[in-house]
Amino acid sequence: MAPRKLSTKRSRKDAAAEGTSAAPEFDSHRFRSAEHQQRFEAIKGWSFHRERHVQLRDDEYIDFQEEIARRRWMSLVTPMAKFDPDIVLEFYANAWPKEEGVRDLRSWVRGQWIPFDADALSQFLGYPLVLEEGQESEYSQRRNRADGFDEEAIAQLLCIPGQDFARTAAERRVWIMRTNMTTLTQTWMTLLLSNILPSDHNSDLPLPKCQLVYVILTRMSIHVAQLIADAIYLFVGMPPTRHPLDPDKSNRALGFPALITGLCQSFGVPVTPSKVIRPPITRAFIQKYCTPRQA
């Protein structure tokens, strides 16, 4: 009797199993790939660095308000009052680069590509600074020079009389304590750490951010859209960490939730804002939280 030939046909069950192993299932309505959905799962417990509005009357803190207007930062200081946390998380998850070293400043949210490069953010913010091809802002020029900033001049402008940077044992300037800053410096610091370079650490300001406040106060040009694009990119690639007291939580936070919600909405993504941003910068806020320490 001739031996039986082995069948080369696959059962439907085998084919389905093979297809599953080759291409893991994922929610294609919300994510670019299974890897991006995994990134979402990794960051979904993170908190947010929420922005602030500036809400001042025309006759209140005029120097602060006039500089905002001169820099065309009105859109920057009036973000959406609420943000959509799911949209923000999907934005960050889908911006996760699949290839190491590839700087792709785009995300994909609910079927729409969302660019967050400096040009896209500049357009969204109303073109606060227009530069010619190859031109750099004064802040960028100074930052790229070894002698770009006079630290003594920074201390004199940002600090109340008699105060200075904290220094290392080697006398290197490292930060300025908030309580040693003028009211105007503290007000700009509050806006900076909410809407431009988000951080919850606000008891002092490290030297690089002091340089940025100095540039603001001396009316030098700043490509704020580029700063925000770079900051978003850093948040995109931030590795997860566990909370030191609760292993089920993370102590990481993502920036620009209101800006990202508004940006996605501007590209046609339906949003459902539900989480409020931080309390606004008002006269009462400045008097309570931005007053220098009394001698």
C-alpha atoms as a PDB file:
ATOM      1  CA  MET A   1       0.000   0.000   0.000  1.00  0.00           C
ATOM      2  CA  ALA A   2       1.354   3.404  -0.960  1.00  0.00           C
ATOM      3  CA  PRO A   3       2.041   5.754   1.985  1.00  0.00           C
ATOM      4  CA  ARG A   4      -0.497   8.524   2.559  1.00  0.00           C
ATOM      5  CA  LYS A   5       0.552  11.979   1.435  1.00  0.00           C
ATOM      6  CA  LEU A   6       0.689  14.636   4.109  1.00  0.00           C
ATOM      7  CA  SER A   7      -1.854  17.355   3.526  1.00  0.00           C
ATOM      8  CA  THR A   8      -0.421  20.815   2.803  1.00  0.00           C
ATOM      9  CA  LYS A   9      -3.691  22.527   3.613  1.00  0.00           C
ATOM     10  CA  ARG A  10      -3.968  24.508   6.861  1.00  0.00           C
ATOM     11  CA  SER A  11      -7.050  24.489   8.972  1.00  0.00           C
ATOM     12  CA  ARG A  12      -8.782  27.802   9.597  1.00  0.00           C
ATOM     13  CA  LYS A  13      -7.765  27.552  13.244  1.00  0.00           C
ATOM     14  CA  ASP A  14      -4.081  27.115  12.331  1.00  0.00           C
ATOM     15  CA  ALA A  15      -4.206  30.021   9.872  1.00  0.00           C
ATOM     16  CA  ALA A  16      -5.848  32.270  12.409  1.00  0.00           C
ATOM     17  CA  ALA A  17      -3.272  31.346  15.047  1.00  0.00           C
ATOM     18  CA  GLU A  18      -0.411  32.043  12.659  1.00  0.00           C
ATOM     19  CA  GLY A  19      -1.889  35.383  11.652  1.00  0.00           C
ATOM     20  CA  THR A  20      -2.266  36.382  15.276  1.00  0.00           C
ATOM     21  CA  SER A  21       1.386  35.648  16.061  1.00  0.00           C
ATOM     22  CA  ALA A  22       2.588  37.567  13.014  1.00  0.00           C
ATOM     23  CA  ALA A  23       0.456  40.645  13.610  1.00  0.00           C
ATOM     24  CA  PRO A  24      -0.708  41.187  17.208  1.00  0.00           C
ATOM     25  CA  GLU A  25      -4.181  42.583  17.528  1.00  0.00           C
ATOM     26  CA  PHE A  26      -4.584  46.205  18.563  1.00  0.00           C
ATOM     27  CA  ASP A  27      -7.208  48.948  18.468  1.00  0.00           C
ATOM     28  CA  SER A  28      -6.509  50.367  15.010  1.00  0.00           C
ATOM     29  CA  HIS A  29      -8.965  53.221  15.588  1.00  0.00           C
ATOM     30  CA  ARG A  30      -6.821  54.601  18.408  1.00  0.00           C
ATOM     31  CA  PHE A  31      -3.295  53.360  17.776  1.00  0.00           C
ATOM     32  CA  ARG A  32      -0.798  53.147  14.938  1.00  0.00           C
ATOM     33  CA  SER A  33       0.421  49.695  15.959  1.00  0.00           C
ATOM     34  CA  ALA A  34       0.449  47.166  18.781  1.00  0.00           C
ATOM     35  CA  GLU A  35       3.686  48.734  19.986  1.00  0.00           C
ATOM     36  CA  HIS A  36       2.030  52.138  20.283  1.00  0.00           C
ATOM     37  CA  GLN A  37      -0.871  50.596  22.184  1.00  0.00           C
ATOM     38  CA  GLN A  38       1.659  49.054  24.566  1.00  0.00           C
ATOM     39  CA  ARG A  39       3.189  52.505  25.022  1.00  0.00           C
ATOM     40  CA  PHE A  40      -0.269  53.810  25.926  1.00  0.00           C
ATOM     41  CA  GLU A  41      -0.603  51.114  28.583  1.00  0.00           C
ATOM     42  CA  ALA A  42       2.788  52.148  29.968  1.00  0.00           C
ATOM     43  CA  ILE A  43       1.887  55.840  30.311  1.00  0.00           C
ATOM     44  CA  LYS A  44      -1.849  55.781  31.046  1.00  0.00           C
ATOM     45  CA  GLY A  45      -1.230  56.147  34.776  1.00  0.00           C
ATOM     46  CA  TRP A  46       0.943  59.238  34.371  1.00  0.00           C
ATOM     47  CA  SER A  47      -0.270  62.626  35.575  1.00  0.00           C
ATOM     48  CA  PHE A  48      -0.169  65.930  33.691  1.00  0.00           C
ATOM     49  CA  HIS A  49       1.675  69.219  34.028  1.00  0.00           C
ATOM     50  CA  ARG A  50      -1.376  71.416  33.572  1.00  0.00           C
ATOM     51  CA  GLU A  51      -1.174  74.871  32.035  1.00  0.00           C
ATOM     52  CA  ARG A  52      -2.437  78.173  33.424  1.00  0.00           C
ATOM     53  CA  HIS A  53      -4.384  81.104  32.036  1.00  0.00           C
ATOM     54  CA  VAL A  54      -3.236  84.658  32.597  1.00  0.00           C
ATOM     55  CA  GLN A  55      -6.264  86.603  33.841  1.00  0.00           C
ATOM     56  CA  LEU A  56      -5.344  90.187  34.712  1.00  0.00           C
ATOM     57  CA  ARG A  57      -7.113  93.497  34.279  1.00  0.00           C
ATOM     58  CA  ASP A  58      -5.516  95.996  31.938  1.00  0.00           C
ATOM     59  CA  ASP A  59      -4.170  98.066  34.840  1.00  0.00           C
ATOM     60  CA  GLU A  60      -2.661  95.106  36.733  1.00  0.00           C
ATOM     61  CA  TYR A  61       1.023  94.146  36.387  1.00  0.00           C
ATOM     62  CA  ILE A  62       1.355  96.195  33.241  1.00  0.00           C
ATOM     63  CA  ASP A  63       5.006  95.285  32.516  1.00  0.00           C
ATOM     64  CA  PHE A  64       4.133  91.590  32.532  1.00  0.00           C
ATOM     65  CA  GLN A  65       1.101  92.004  30.292  1.00  0.00           C
ATOM     66  CA  GLU A  66       2.793  94.365  27.845  1.00  0.00           C
ATOM     67  CA  GLU A  67       5.628  91.905  27.293  1.00  0.00           C
ATOM     68  CA  ILE A  68       3.151  89.088  26.642  1.00  0.00           C
ATOM     69  CA  ALA A  69       1.432  91.271  24.039  1.00  0.00           C
ATOM     70  CA  ARG A  70       4.713  92.433  22.469  1.00  0.00           C
ATOM     71  CA  ARG A  71       5.813  88.816  22.026  1.00  0.00           C
ATOM     72  CA  ARG A  72       2.436  87.833  20.558  1.00  0.00           C
ATOM     73  CA  TRP A  73       1.989  85.188  23.244  1.00  0.00           C
ATOM     74  CA  MET A  74      -1.735  85.743  23.772  1.00  0.00           C
ATOM     75  CA  SER A  75      -2.651  82.260  22.505  1.00  0.00           C
ATOM     76  CA  LEU A  76       0.078  80.783  24.683  1.00  0.00           C
ATOM     77  CA  VAL A  77      -1.356  82.329  27.872  1.00  0.00           C
ATOM     78  CA  THR A  78      -4.994  81.514  27.064  1.00  0.00           C
ATOM     79  CA  PRO A  79      -5.056  77.730  26.548  1.00  0.00           C
ATOM     80  CA  MET A  80      -8.240  75.699  26.663  1.00  0.00           C
ATOM     81  CA  ALA A  81      -9.774  75.751  30.142  1.00  0.00           C
ATOM     82  CA  LYS A  82     -10.157  71.948  30.054  1.00  0.00           C
ATOM     83  CA  PHE A  83      -8.337  69.141  28.276  1.00  0.00           C
ATOM     84  CA  ASP A  84      -9.163  65.645  27.058  1.00  0.00           C
ATOM     85  CA  PRO A  85      -6.879  63.194  28.924  1.00  0.00           C
ATOM     86  CA  ASP A  86      -7.576  60.281  26.562  1.00  0.00           C
ATOM     87  CA  ILE A  87      -6.658  62.321  23.500  1.00  0.00           C
ATOM     88  CA  VAL A  88      -3.495  63.601  25.176  1.00  0.00           C
ATOM     89  CA  LEU A  89      -2.416  60.084  26.151  1.00  0.00           C
ATOM     90  CA  GLU A  90      -3.112  58.769  22.645  1.00  0.00           C
ATOM     91  CA  PHE A  91      -1.130  61.676  21.192  1.00  0.00           C
ATOM     92  CA  TYR A  92       1.898  60.838  23.308  1.00  0.00           C
ATOM     93  CA  ALA A  93       1.569  57.080  22.780  1.00  0.00           C
ATOM     94  CA  ASN A  94       1.326  57.368  18.991  1.00  0.00           C
ATOM     95  CA  ALA A  95       4.243  59.812  18.827  1.00  0.00           C
ATOM     96  CA  TRP A  96       6.499  57.122  20.315  1.00  0.00           C
ATOM     97  CA  PRO A  97       9.309  56.518  17.754  1.00  0.00           C
ATOM     98  CA  LYS A  98       9.475  52.921  16.533  1.00  0.00           C
ATOM     99  CA  GLU A  99      13.057  53.381  15.358  1.00  0.00           C
ATOM    100  CA  GLU A 100      15.719  54.574  17.760  1.00  0.00           C
ATOM    101  CA  GLY A 101      17.318  57.848  16.730  1.00  0.00           C
ATOM    102  CA  VAL A 102      14.492  58.864  14.374  1.00  0.00           C
ATOM    103  CA  ARG A 103      13.192  62.335  15.257  1.00  0.00           C
ATOM    104  CA  ASP A 104       9.698  62.360  13.793  1.00  0.00           C
ATOM    105  CA  LEU A 105       7.734  65.290  15.229  1.00  0.00           C
ATOM    106  CA  ARG A 106       4.322  63.885  14.366  1.00  0.00           C
ATOM    107  CA  SER A 107       1.674  61.878  16.100  1.00  0.00           C
ATOM    108  CA  TRP A 108      -1.467  60.130  14.885  1.00  0.00           C
ATOM    109  CA  VAL A 109      -4.752  60.622  16.722  1.00  0.00           C
ATOM    110  CA  ARG A 110      -8.089  59.072  15.712  1.00  0.00           C
ATOM    111  CA  GLY A 111      -7.110  58.839  12.041  1.00  0.00           C
ATOM    112  CA  GLN A 112      -5.428  62.250  11.763  1.00  0.00           C
ATOM    113  CA  TRP A 113      -1.716  63.013  11.550  1.00  0.00           C
ATOM    114  CA  ILE A 114      -0.824  65.732  14.064  1.00  0.00           C
ATOM    115  CA  PRO A 115       2.491  67.523  13.469  1.00  0.00           C
ATOM    116  CA  PHE A 116       4.121  69.164  16.475  1.00  0.00           C
ATOM    117  CA  ASP A 117       7.245  70.610  14.904  1.00  0.00           C
ATOM    118  CA  ALA A 118       8.080  74.289  15.406  1.00  0.00           C
ATOM    119  CA  ASP A 119       6.303  75.377  12.205  1.00  0.00           C
ATOM    120  CA  ALA A 120       3.057  73.607  13.122  1.00  0.00           C
ATOM    121  CA  LEU A 121       3.097  74.938  16.680  1.00  0.00           C
ATOM    122  CA  SER A 122       3.966  78.431  15.492  1.00  0.00           C
ATOM    123  CA  GLN A 123       0.929  78.407  13.225  1.00  0.00           C
ATOM    124  CA  PHE A 124      -1.286  77.104  16.028  1.00  0.00           C
ATOM    125  CA  LEU A 125      -0.036  79.827  18.399  1.00  0.00           C
ATOM    126  CA  GLY A 126      -0.591  82.621  15.886  1.00  0.00           C
ATOM    127  CA  TYR A 127       3.001  83.007  14.629  1.00  0.00           C
ATOM    128  CA  PRO A 128       4.554  84.595  17.743  1.00  0.00           C
ATOM    129  CA  LEU A 129       7.960  84.892  16.051  1.00  0.00           C
ATOM    130  CA  VAL A 130       8.669  84.853  12.326  1.00  0.00           C
ATOM    131  CA  LEU A 131      12.251  84.004  11.356  1.00  0.00           C
ATOM    132  CA  GLU A 132      13.905  83.991   7.954  1.00  0.00           C
ATOM    133  CA  GLU A 133      15.383  80.771   6.568  1.00  0.00           C
ATOM    134  CA  GLY A 134      18.425  79.866   8.677  1.00  0.00           C
ATOM    135  CA  GLN A 135      17.844  82.699  11.141  1.00  0.00           C
ATOM    136  CA  GLU A 136      18.048  81.983  14.871  1.00  0.00           C
ATOM    137  CA  SER A 137      16.411  83.749  17.775  1.00  0.00           C
ATOM    138  CA  GLU A 138      18.608  85.832  20.053  1.00  0.00           C
ATOM    139  CA  TYR A 139      18.038  83.306  22.820  1.00  0.00           C
ATOM    140  CA  SER A 140      19.334  80.458  20.631  1.00  0.00           C
ATOM    141  CA  GLN A 141      22.344  82.497  19.565  1.00  0.00           C
ATOM    142  CA  ARG A 142      23.231  83.291  23.170  1.00  0.00           C
ATOM    143  CA  ARG A 143      22.668  79.736  24.367  1.00  0.00           C
ATOM    144  CA  ASN A 144      25.031  78.373  21.718  1.00  0.00           C
ATOM    145  CA  ARG A 145      27.879  80.652  22.790  1.00  0.00           C
ATOM    146  CA  ALA A 146      30.196  79.812  25.682  1.00  0.00           C
ATOM    147  CA  ASP A 147      30.099  83.459  26.792  1.00  0.00           C
ATOM    148  CA  GLY A 148      26.449  83.988  25.900  1.00  0.00           C
ATOM    149  CA  PHE A 149      25.209  85.000  29.362  1.00  0.00           C
ATOM    150  CA  ASP A 150      26.562  87.214  32.109  1.00  0.00           C
ATOM    151  CA  GLU A 151      25.572  85.362  35.273  1.00  0.00           C
ATOM    152  CA  GLU A 152      26.193  88.419  37.441  1.00  0.00           C
ATOM    153  CA  ALA A 153      23.789  90.436  35.303  1.00  0.00           C
ATOM    154  CA  ILE A 154      21.197  87.629  35.531  1.00  0.00           C
ATOM    155  CA  ALA A 155      21.385  87.623  39.321  1.00  0.00           C
ATOM    156  CA  GLN A 156      21.052  91.406  39.528  1.00  0.00           C
ATOM    157  CA  LEU A 157      17.964  91.426  37.308  1.00  0.00           C
ATOM    158  CA  LEU A 158      16.141  88.377  38.664  1.00  0.00           C
ATOM    159  CA  CYS A 159      16.894  88.682  42.373  1.00  0.00           C
ATOM    160  CA  ILE A 160      15.774  91.103  45.046  1.00  0.00           C
ATOM    161  CA  PRO A 161      18.630  93.314  46.344  1.00  0.00           C
ATOM    162  CA  GLY A 162      21.303  91.447  48.271  1.00  0.00           C
ATOM    163  CA  GLN A 163      20.414  87.998  46.879  1.00  0.00           C
ATOM    164  CA  ASP A 164      22.240  85.816  44.380  1.00  0.00           C
ATOM    165  CA  PHE A 165      22.416  82.321  42.918  1.00  0.00           C
ATOM    166  CA  ALA A 166      22.999  79.380  45.196  1.00  0.00           C
ATOM    167  CA  ARG A 167      26.506  78.121  44.544  1.00  0.00           C
ATOM    168  CA  THR A 168      28.421  74.864  44.721  1.00  0.00           C
ATOM    169  CA  ALA A 169      31.521  74.394  46.865  1.00  0.00           C
ATOM    170  CA  ALA A 170      33.482  75.374  43.764  1.00  0.00           C
ATOM    171  CA  GLU A 171      31.523  78.660  43.578  1.00  0.00           C
ATOM    172  CA  ARG A 172      29.617  77.635  40.457  1.00  0.00           C
ATOM    173  CA  ARG A 173      26.164  79.229  40.220  1.00  0.00           C
ATOM    174  CA  VAL A 174      23.430  76.579  40.042  1.00  0.00           C
ATOM    175  CA  TRP A 175      19.976  78.026  40.847  1.00  0.00           C
ATOM    176  CA  ILE A 176      18.049  80.911  42.368  1.00  0.00           C
ATOM    177  CA  MET A 177      15.619  80.253  45.197  1.00  0.00           C
ATOM    178  CA  ARG A 178      12.105  81.433  44.413  1.00  0.00           C
ATOM    179  CA  THR A 179      11.927  83.423  47.640  1.00  0.00           C
ATOM    180  CA  ASN A 180      14.976  85.436  46.511  1.00  0.00           C
ATOM    181  CA  MET A 181      13.350  86.524  43.242  1.00  0.00           C
ATOM    182  CA  THR A 182      11.489  89.718  42.444  1.00  0.00           C
ATOM    183  CA  THR A 183       7.721  89.570  41.974  1.00  0.00           C
ATOM    184  CA  LEU A 184       8.086  89.975  38.198  1.00  0.00           C
ATOM    185  CA  THR A 185      10.641  87.152  38.029  1.00  0.00           C
ATOM    186  CA  GLN A 186       8.422  84.829  40.050  1.00  0.00           C
ATOM    187  CA  THR A 187       5.442  85.635  37.825  1.00  0.00           C
ATOM    188  CA  TRP A 188       7.393  84.803  34.668  1.00  0.00           C
ATOM    189  CA  MET A 189       8.742  81.662  36.360  1.00  0.00           C
ATOM    190  CA  THR A 190       5.181  80.531  37.068  1.00  0.00           C
ATOM    191  CA  LEU A 191       4.175  80.977  33.432  1.00  0.00           C
ATOM    192  CA  LEU A 192       7.378  79.362  32.181  1.00  0.00           C
ATOM    193  CA  LEU A 193       6.918  76.221  34.301  1.00  0.00           C
ATOM    194  CA  SER A 194       3.250  75.903  33.324  1.00  0.00           C
ATOM    195  CA  ASN A 195       3.025  76.753  29.623  1.00  0.00           C
ATOM    196  CA  ILE A 196       6.529  76.689  28.098  1.00  0.00           C
ATOM    197  CA  LEU A 197       8.864  74.279  29.939  1.00  0.00           C
ATOM    198  CA  PRO A 198       6.482  72.366  32.219  1.00  0.00           C
ATOM    199  CA  SER A 199       7.659  71.277  35.641  1.00  0.00           C
ATOM    200  CA  ASP A 200       6.136  70.867  39.086  1.00  0.00           C
ATOM    201  CA  HIS A 201       9.418  71.808  40.754  1.00  0.00           C
ATOM    202  CA  ASN A 202       8.973  75.486  41.571  1.00  0.00           C
ATOM    203  CA  SER A 203      10.916  76.157  44.767  1.00  0.00           C
ATOM    204  CA  ASP A 204      13.946  77.268  42.749  1.00  0.00           C
ATOM    205  CA  LEU A 205      14.957  77.878  39.140  1.00  0.00           C
ATOM    206  CA  PRO A 206      18.107  76.270  37.682  1.00  0.00           C
ATOM    207  CA  LEU A 207      20.599  78.360  35.755  1.00  0.00           C
ATOM    208  CA  PRO A 208      19.438  77.447  32.187  1.00  0.00           C
ATOM    209  CA  LYS A 209      15.859  78.496  32.973  1.00  0.00           C
ATOM    210  CA  CYS A 210      17.126  81.615  34.720  1.00  0.00           C
ATOM    211  CA  GLN A 211      18.824  82.462  31.440  1.00  0.00           C
ATOM    212  CA  LEU A 212      15.486  82.126  29.658  1.00  0.00           C
ATOM    213  CA  VAL A 213      13.725  84.439  32.129  1.00  0.00           C
ATOM    214  CA  TYR A 214      16.603  86.908  31.717  1.00  0.00           C
ATOM    215  CA  VAL A 215      16.090  86.849  27.949  1.00  0.00           C
ATOM    216  CA  ILE A 216      12.377  87.539  28.444  1.00  0.00           C
ATOM    217  CA  LEU A 217      13.026  90.441  30.803  1.00  0.00           C
ATOM    218  CA  THR A 218      15.622  91.982  28.468  1.00  0.00           C
ATOM    219  CA  ARG A 219      13.259  91.689  25.486  1.00  0.00           C
ATOM    220  CA  MET A 220      15.458  89.386  23.379  1.00  0.00           C
ATOM    221  CA  SER A 221      13.719  87.244  20.773  1.00  0.00           C
ATOM    222  CA  ILE A 222      12.671  83.684  21.659  1.00  0.00           C
ATOM    223  CA  HIS A 223      11.377  81.005  19.306  1.00  0.00           C
ATOM    224  CA  VAL A 224       8.830  79.760  21.820  1.00  0.00           C
ATOM    225  CA  ALA A 225       7.277  77.288  19.357  1.00  0.00           C
ATOM    226  CA  GLN A 226      10.667  75.584  18.998  1.00  0.00           C
ATOM    227  CA  LEU A 227      11.069  75.388  22.777  1.00  0.00           C
ATOM    228  CA  ILE A 228       7.648  73.744  23.092  1.00  0.00           C
ATOM    229  CA  ALA A 229       8.297  71.326  20.207  1.00  0.00           C
ATOM    230  CA  ASP A 230      11.561  70.223  21.844  1.00  0.00           C
ATOM    231  CA  ALA A 231       9.849  69.849  25.211  1.00  0.00           C
ATOM    232  CA  ILE A 232       7.025  67.717  23.765  1.00  0.00           C
ATOM    233  CA  TYR A 233       9.599  65.499  22.054  1.00  0.00           C
ATOM    234  CA  LEU A 234      11.333  64.941  25.409  1.00  0.00           C
ATOM    235  CA  PHE A 235       8.025  63.981  27.010  1.00  0.00           C
ATOM    236  CA  VAL A 236       7.361  61.544  24.129  1.00  0.00           C
ATOM    237  CA  GLY A 237      10.568  59.614  24.814  1.00  0.00           C
ATOM    238  CA  MET A 238      10.446  59.724  28.605  1.00  0.00           C
ATOM    239  CA  PRO A 239      11.022  56.251  30.110  1.00  0.00           C
ATOM    240  CA  PRO A 240       8.538  54.973  32.705  1.00  0.00           C
ATOM    241  CA  THR A 241       9.482  54.976  36.372  1.00  0.00           C
ATOM    242  CA  ARG A 242       7.667  53.623  39.399  1.00  0.00           C
ATOM    243  CA  HIS A 243       6.449  55.756  42.260  1.00  0.00           C
ATOM    244  CA  PRO A 244       8.759  55.248  45.275  1.00  0.00           C
ATOM    245  CA  LEU A 245       5.821  54.691  47.657  1.00  0.00           C
ATOM    246  CA  ASP A 246       3.248  52.996  45.398  1.00  0.00           C
ATOM    247  CA  PRO A 247       4.622  50.485  42.835  1.00  0.00           C
ATOM    248  CA  ASP A 248       1.310  50.517  40.950  1.00  0.00           C
ATOM    249  CA  LYS A 249       1.695  54.212  40.152  1.00  0.00           C
ATOM    250  CA  SER A 250       4.208  56.299  38.238  1.00  0.00           C
ATOM    251  CA  ASN A 251       5.691  59.619  39.305  1.00  0.00           C
ATOM    252  CA  ARG A 252       6.000  60.725  35.678  1.00  0.00           C
ATOM    253  CA  ALA A 253       3.913  63.543  34.209  1.00  0.00           C
ATOM    254  CA  LEU A 254       3.212  64.729  30.654  1.00  0.00           C
ATOM    255  CA  GLY A 255       3.206  68.375  29.614  1.00  0.00           C
ATOM    256  CA  PHE A 256       0.961  70.616  27.518  1.00  0.00           C
ATOM    257  CA  PRO A 257      -2.366  68.754  27.897  1.00  0.00           C
ATOM    258  CA  ALA A 258      -4.521  71.768  26.974  1.00  0.00           C
ATOM    259  CA  LEU A 259      -2.285  72.785  24.072  1.00  0.00           C
ATOM    260  CA  ILE A 260      -2.281  69.227  22.686  1.00  0.00           C
ATOM    261  CA  THR A 261      -6.056  68.948  23.047  1.00  0.00           C
ATOM    262  CA  GLY A 262      -6.473  72.198  21.131  1.00  0.00           C
ATOM    263  CA  LEU A 263      -3.893  71.197  18.518  1.00  0.00           C
ATOM    264  CA  CYS A 264      -5.649  67.881  17.854  1.00  0.00           C
ATOM    265  CA  GLN A 265      -9.003  69.644  17.654  1.00  0.00           C
ATOM    266  CA  SER A 266      -7.568  72.077  15.075  1.00  0.00           C
ATOM    267  CA  PHE A 267      -6.787  69.077  12.836  1.00  0.00           C
ATOM    268  CA  GLY A 268     -10.346  67.779  13.061  1.00  0.00           C
ATOM    269  CA  VAL A 269     -10.018  65.314  15.920  1.00  0.00           C
ATOM    270  CA  PRO A 270     -13.199  65.195  18.060  1.00  0.00           C
ATOM    271  CA  VAL A 271     -12.298  65.994  21.661  1.00  0.00           C
ATOM    272  CA  THR A 272     -14.186  65.832  24.950  1.00  0.00           C
ATOM    273  CA  PRO A 273     -12.400  68.145  27.406  1.00  0.00           C
ATOM    274  CA  SER A 274     -13.109  67.028  30.959  1.00  0.00           C
ATOM    275  CA  LYS A 275     -10.098  67.875  33.124  1.00  0.00           C
ATOM    276  CA  VAL A 276      -9.503  71.470  34.210  1.00  0.00           C
ATOM    277  CA  ILE A 277      -6.125  73.170  33.982  1.00  0.00           C
ATOM    278  CA  ARG A 278      -4.417  74.824  36.958  1.00  0.00           C
ATOM    279  CA  PRO A 279      -5.730  77.994  38.615  1.00  0.00           C
ATOM    280  CA  PRO A 280      -5.040  81.149  36.589  1.00  0.00           C
ATOM    281  CA  ILE A 281      -2.389  83.771  37.177  1.00  0.00           C
ATOM    282  CA  THR A 282      -4.430  86.581  38.673  1.00  0.00           C
ATOM    283  CA  ARG A 283      -3.649  89.576  40.842  1.00  0.00           C
ATOM    284  CA  ALA A 284      -4.571  87.595  43.951  1.00  0.00           C
ATOM    285  CA  PHE A 285      -2.381  84.668  42.812  1.00  0.00           C
ATOM    286  CA  ILE A 286       0.631  86.937  42.240  1.00  0.00           C
ATOM    287  CA  GLN A 287       0.179  88.657  45.595  1.00  0.00           C
ATOM    288  CA  LYS A 288      -0.045  85.319  47.394  1.00  0.00           C
ATOM    289  CA  TYR A 289       2.545  83.219  45.577  1.00  0.00           C
ATOM    290  CA  CYS A 290       4.928  85.614  43.812  1.00  0.00           C
ATOM    291  CA  THR A 291       5.851  87.984  46.617  1.00  0.00           C
ATOM    292  CA  PRO A 292       9.551  88.037  47.650  1.00  0.00           C
ATOM    293  CA  ARG A 293      10.600  86.978  51.089  1.00  0.00           C
ATOM    294  CA  GLN A 294      10.610  89.882  53.514  1.00  0.00           C
ATOM    295  CA  ALA A 295      13.946  90.700  55.146  1.00  0.00           C
END
